[in-house]
Amino acid sequence: MVFLFLAALILFGPKKLPEIGRQIGKAMNEFKRASNEFKAQIENEINELDRDEPRQTILPPARQPLGSIASSGYSSSDPEAELNSVSKAPDA
C-alpha cells in the first residue's frame, strides 16, 4: 500500500494527489449509495410479491374413491403374487 502511495505521489505530484483522492472517495460513495438503493429496491419487490401472493400449501394426496381402479391395487406384500398378476405381452 505504501508502494502504491509513493507511485501515485511520483506520477501525479503532491498538488494533484488530494484532488484525486477526493474524486475517488466521491466515486466510491456514489457507488455504495447506488448499491444500497438497488438492494433496497430488490427487497421491496420481494416483500410486495410475498404480500400479494398467498403461500400455497401442499396438501397430502387424496384417497381414491372405493371401487376405482387406483383403490383396487395390490394388497399383498408377496412380490411373486404381484408378478403373476401382471399380464405379459405376447411375443411377436
N, C-alpha and C. Protein backbone atom coordinates (compact mmCIF):
# COMPACT_ATOMS: atom_id res chain seq x y z
N MET A 1 0.83 -1.19 0.00
CA MET A 1 0.00 0.00 0.00
C MET A 1 0.88 1.25 0.00
N VAL A 2 1.96 1.17 0.74
CA VAL A 2 2.91 2.29 0.77
C VAL A 2 3.51 2.50 -0.61
N PHE A 3 3.81 1.38 -1.28
CA PHE A 3 4.38 1.47 -2.63
C PHE A 3 3.42 2.17 -3.58
N LEU A 4 2.12 1.84 -3.49
CA LEU A 4 1.13 2.48 -4.35
C LEU A 4 1.03 3.98 -4.06
N PHE A 5 1.10 4.34 -2.79
CA PHE A 5 1.05 5.76 -2.42
C PHE A 5 2.25 6.51 -2.99
N LEU A 6 3.42 5.91 -2.87
CA LEU A 6 4.63 6.55 -3.40
C LEU A 6 4.57 6.65 -4.93
N ALA A 7 4.09 5.62 -5.59
CA ALA A 7 3.98 5.66 -7.05
C ALA A 7 2.99 6.74 -7.47
N ALA A 8 1.86 6.86 -6.77
CA ALA A 8 0.88 7.90 -7.09
C ALA A 8 1.46 9.28 -6.83
N LEU A 9 2.22 9.42 -5.76
CA LEU A 9 2.86 10.71 -5.45
C LEU A 9 3.83 11.11 -6.53
N ILE A 10 4.61 10.16 -7.03
CA ILE A 10 5.58 10.46 -8.09
C ILE A 10 4.86 10.77 -9.40
N LEU A 11 3.81 10.00 -9.75
CA LEU A 11 3.11 10.20 -11.01
C LEU A 11 2.31 11.51 -11.05
N PHE A 12 1.56 11.79 -9.99
CA PHE A 12 0.64 12.93 -10.02
C PHE A 12 1.16 14.16 -9.30
N GLY A 13 2.10 14.01 -8.41
CA GLY A 13 2.63 15.14 -7.68
C GLY A 13 1.81 15.45 -6.44
N PRO A 14 2.41 16.21 -5.51
CA PRO A 14 1.74 16.49 -4.24
C PRO A 14 0.53 17.42 -4.36
N LYS A 15 0.45 18.21 -5.43
CA LYS A 15 -0.68 19.14 -5.56
C LYS A 15 -1.93 18.43 -6.08
N LYS A 16 -1.78 17.47 -6.97
CA LYS A 16 -2.93 16.78 -7.57
C LYS A 16 -3.44 15.62 -6.71
N LEU A 17 -2.59 15.06 -5.85
CA LEU A 17 -2.95 13.87 -5.08
C LEU A 17 -4.19 14.06 -4.20
N PRO A 18 -4.33 15.15 -3.43
CA PRO A 18 -5.55 15.33 -2.62
C PRO A 18 -6.82 15.43 -3.47
N GLU A 19 -6.71 16.08 -4.61
CA GLU A 19 -7.86 16.22 -5.50
C GLU A 19 -8.28 14.85 -6.07
N ILE A 20 -7.31 14.06 -6.45
CA ILE A 20 -7.60 12.72 -6.96
C ILE A 20 -8.22 11.86 -5.86
N GLY A 21 -7.70 11.98 -4.64
CA GLY A 21 -8.26 11.23 -3.51
C GLY A 21 -9.70 11.60 -3.25
N ARG A 22 -10.03 12.88 -3.33
CA ARG A 22 -11.41 13.32 -3.14
C ARG A 22 -12.33 12.75 -4.23
N GLN A 23 -11.86 12.77 -5.47
CA GLN A 23 -12.66 12.24 -6.57
C GLN A 23 -12.91 10.74 -6.40
N ILE A 24 -11.88 10.01 -5.98
CA ILE A 24 -12.04 8.57 -5.76
C ILE A 24 -13.01 8.32 -4.61
N GLY A 25 -12.90 9.13 -3.54
CA GLY A 25 -13.83 8.99 -2.40
C GLY A 25 -15.26 9.27 -2.80
N LYS A 26 -15.49 10.31 -3.61
CA LYS A 26 -16.84 10.63 -4.07
C LYS A 26 -17.40 9.51 -4.95
N ALA A 27 -16.55 8.97 -5.82
CA ALA A 27 -16.99 7.90 -6.71
C ALA A 27 -17.36 6.65 -5.89
N MET A 28 -16.55 6.33 -4.89
CA MET A 28 -16.84 5.17 -4.05
C MET A 28 -18.13 5.38 -3.25
N ASN A 29 -18.34 6.60 -2.75
CA ASN A 29 -19.55 6.92 -2.00
C ASN A 29 -20.78 6.81 -2.90
N GLU A 30 -20.68 7.29 -4.12
CA GLU A 30 -21.79 7.21 -5.07
C GLU A 30 -22.09 5.76 -5.42
N PHE A 31 -21.06 4.95 -5.61
CA PHE A 31 -21.26 3.54 -5.92
C PHE A 31 -21.94 2.82 -4.76
N LYS A 32 -21.51 3.13 -3.54
CA LYS A 32 -22.11 2.50 -2.36
C LYS A 32 -23.58 2.89 -2.22
N ARG A 33 -23.89 4.17 -2.48
CA ARG A 33 -25.27 4.63 -2.39
C ARG A 33 -26.14 3.94 -3.44
N ALA A 34 -25.63 3.83 -4.66
CA ALA A 34 -26.39 3.18 -5.73
C ALA A 34 -26.59 1.69 -5.40
N SER A 35 -25.58 1.07 -4.84
CA SER A 35 -25.68 -0.34 -4.47
C SER A 35 -26.74 -0.55 -3.38
N ASN A 36 -26.74 0.31 -2.38
CA ASN A 36 -27.73 0.21 -1.30
C ASN A 36 -29.15 0.47 -1.83
N GLU A 37 -29.28 1.42 -2.75
CA GLU A 37 -30.58 1.72 -3.35
C GLU A 37 -31.10 0.51 -4.13
N PHE A 38 -30.21 -0.11 -4.90
CA PHE A 38 -30.58 -1.27 -5.70
C PHE A 38 -31.01 -2.42 -4.80
N LYS A 39 -30.25 -2.65 -3.72
CA LYS A 39 -30.59 -3.73 -2.80
C LYS A 39 -31.93 -3.47 -2.12
N ALA A 40 -32.19 -2.23 -1.74
CA ALA A 40 -33.46 -1.89 -1.10
C ALA A 40 -34.62 -2.07 -2.06
N GLN A 41 -34.42 -1.72 -3.32
CA GLN A 41 -35.48 -1.87 -4.32
C GLN A 41 -35.80 -3.35 -4.53
N ILE A 42 -34.77 -4.19 -4.61
CA ILE A 42 -35.00 -5.63 -4.78
C ILE A 42 -35.75 -6.19 -3.57
N GLU A 43 -35.35 -5.81 -2.36
CA GLU A 43 -36.03 -6.29 -1.16
C GLU A 43 -37.49 -5.84 -1.13
N ASN A 44 -37.76 -4.60 -1.55
CA ASN A 44 -39.14 -4.10 -1.61
C ASN A 44 -39.98 -4.91 -2.58
N GLU A 45 -39.42 -5.23 -3.74
CA GLU A 45 -40.14 -6.02 -4.74
C GLU A 45 -40.44 -7.42 -4.20
N ILE A 46 -39.48 -8.02 -3.52
CA ILE A 46 -39.69 -9.36 -2.95
C ILE A 46 -40.77 -9.31 -1.89
N ASN A 47 -40.74 -8.30 -1.03
CA ASN A 47 -41.76 -8.16 0.00
C ASN A 47 -43.15 -7.94 -0.60
N GLU A 48 -43.23 -7.17 -1.69
CA GLU A 48 -44.50 -6.94 -2.36
C GLU A 48 -45.05 -8.23 -2.93
N LEU A 49 -44.18 -9.03 -3.56
CA LEU A 49 -44.62 -10.30 -4.12
C LEU A 49 -45.11 -11.24 -3.03
N ASP A 50 -44.42 -11.25 -1.89
CA ASP A 50 -44.84 -12.11 -0.79
C ASP A 50 -46.19 -11.68 -0.24
N ARG A 51 -46.44 -10.38 -0.20
CA ARG A 51 -47.72 -9.88 0.30
C ARG A 51 -48.85 -10.15 -0.67
N ASP A 52 -48.59 -10.00 -1.98
CA ASP A 52 -49.64 -10.16 -2.99
C ASP A 52 -50.06 -11.61 -3.18
N GLU A 53 -49.10 -12.52 -3.21
CA GLU A 53 -49.41 -13.92 -3.47
C GLU A 53 -49.40 -14.70 -2.16
N PRO A 54 -50.56 -15.25 -1.77
CA PRO A 54 -50.55 -16.07 -0.56
C PRO A 54 -49.76 -17.35 -0.82
N ARG A 55 -49.14 -17.84 0.20
CA ARG A 55 -48.34 -19.06 0.07
C ARG A 55 -49.26 -20.24 -0.22
N GLN A 56 -48.84 -21.07 -1.15
CA GLN A 56 -49.60 -22.27 -1.47
C GLN A 56 -49.17 -23.38 -0.53
N THR A 57 -50.15 -24.06 0.03
CA THR A 57 -49.82 -25.17 0.92
C THR A 57 -49.93 -26.47 0.14
N ILE A 58 -49.04 -27.37 0.40
CA ILE A 58 -49.05 -28.67 -0.25
C ILE A 58 -49.90 -29.60 0.59
N LEU A 59 -50.96 -30.10 -0.01
CA LEU A 59 -51.88 -30.99 0.69
C LEU A 59 -51.44 -32.43 0.50
N PRO A 60 -51.78 -33.30 1.45
CA PRO A 60 -51.45 -34.71 1.27
C PRO A 60 -52.29 -35.29 0.14
N PRO A 61 -51.85 -36.39 -0.48
CA PRO A 61 -52.62 -36.96 -1.58
C PRO A 61 -54.00 -37.42 -1.10
N ALA A 62 -54.97 -37.22 -1.96
CA ALA A 62 -56.35 -37.60 -1.62
C ALA A 62 -56.52 -39.10 -1.81
N ARG A 63 -57.38 -39.70 -0.99
CA ARG A 63 -57.67 -41.13 -1.14
C ARG A 63 -58.59 -41.32 -2.33
N GLN A 64 -58.39 -42.43 -3.03
CA GLN A 64 -59.23 -42.75 -4.18
C GLN A 64 -60.58 -43.28 -3.69
N PRO A 65 -61.64 -42.99 -4.41
CA PRO A 65 -62.96 -43.50 -4.04
C PRO A 65 -62.98 -45.03 -4.11
N LEU A 66 -63.81 -45.63 -3.28
CA LEU A 66 -63.94 -47.09 -3.29
C LEU A 66 -64.45 -47.56 -4.65
N GLY A 67 -63.92 -48.63 -5.13
CA GLY A 67 -64.36 -49.18 -6.40
C GLY A 67 -63.60 -48.61 -7.59
N SER A 68 -62.74 -47.63 -7.38
CA SER A 68 -61.99 -47.09 -8.50
C SER A 68 -60.81 -47.99 -8.81
N ILE A 69 -60.23 -47.83 -9.96
CA ILE A 69 -59.10 -48.66 -10.38
C ILE A 69 -57.91 -48.47 -9.44
N ALA A 70 -57.65 -47.24 -9.03
CA ALA A 70 -56.49 -46.97 -8.17
C ALA A 70 -56.65 -47.60 -6.80
N SER A 71 -57.88 -47.75 -6.30
CA SER A 71 -58.06 -48.31 -4.97
C SER A 71 -58.03 -49.83 -4.99
N SER A 72 -58.09 -50.45 -6.17
CA SER A 72 -58.06 -51.91 -6.24
C SER A 72 -56.65 -52.40 -6.54
N GLY A 73 -55.65 -51.70 -6.03
CA GLY A 73 -54.25 -52.07 -6.25
C GLY A 73 -53.90 -53.32 -5.48
N TYR A 74 -52.66 -53.67 -5.51
CA TYR A 74 -52.18 -54.87 -4.85
C TYR A 74 -52.21 -54.68 -3.34
N SER A 75 -52.78 -55.63 -2.67
CA SER A 75 -52.82 -55.55 -1.22
C SER A 75 -51.87 -56.53 -0.58
N SER A 76 -51.34 -57.46 -1.35
CA SER A 76 -50.42 -58.43 -0.76
C SER A 76 -49.01 -57.88 -0.79
N SER A 77 -48.24 -58.34 0.14
CA SER A 77 -46.86 -57.90 0.17
C SER A 77 -45.94 -58.94 -0.45
N ASP A 78 -46.53 -59.95 -1.12
CA ASP A 78 -45.77 -61.02 -1.75
C ASP A 78 -45.39 -60.58 -3.16
N PRO A 79 -44.09 -60.36 -3.44
CA PRO A 79 -43.70 -59.88 -4.77
C PRO A 79 -43.99 -60.89 -5.87
N GLU A 80 -44.00 -62.20 -5.54
CA GLU A 80 -44.28 -63.22 -6.56
C GLU A 80 -45.73 -63.14 -7.00
N ALA A 81 -46.63 -62.86 -6.08
CA ALA A 81 -48.04 -62.74 -6.43
C ALA A 81 -48.25 -61.54 -7.34
N GLU A 82 -47.51 -60.48 -7.11
CA GLU A 82 -47.62 -59.30 -7.94
C GLU A 82 -47.13 -59.60 -9.35
N LEU A 83 -46.04 -60.36 -9.49
CA LEU A 83 -45.51 -60.68 -10.80
C LEU A 83 -46.48 -61.57 -11.58
N ASN A 84 -47.14 -62.51 -10.90
CA ASN A 84 -48.07 -63.40 -11.58
C ASN A 84 -49.32 -62.68 -12.03
N SER A 85 -49.72 -61.63 -11.34
CA SER A 85 -50.96 -60.95 -11.68
C SER A 85 -50.79 -59.96 -12.83
N VAL A 86 -49.54 -59.61 -13.15
CA VAL A 86 -49.30 -58.66 -14.23
C VAL A 86 -49.40 -59.41 -15.55
N SER A 87 -50.20 -58.89 -16.46
CA SER A 87 -50.35 -59.56 -17.75
C SER A 87 -49.12 -59.31 -18.60
N LYS A 88 -48.68 -60.34 -19.29
CA LYS A 88 -47.49 -60.23 -20.13
C LYS A 88 -47.91 -60.04 -21.57
N ALA A 89 -47.12 -59.29 -22.31
CA ALA A 89 -47.41 -59.08 -23.72
C ALA A 89 -47.01 -60.31 -24.50
N PRO A 90 -47.80 -60.69 -25.49
CA PRO A 90 -47.44 -61.88 -26.29
C PRO A 90 -46.17 -61.60 -27.10
N ASP A 91 -45.41 -62.65 -27.31
CA ASP A 91 -44.20 -62.49 -28.12
C ASP A 91 -44.58 -62.26 -29.56
N ALA A 92 -43.87 -61.35 -30.19
CA ALA A 92 -44.21 -61.02 -31.58
C ALA A 92 -43.39 -61.80 -32.57
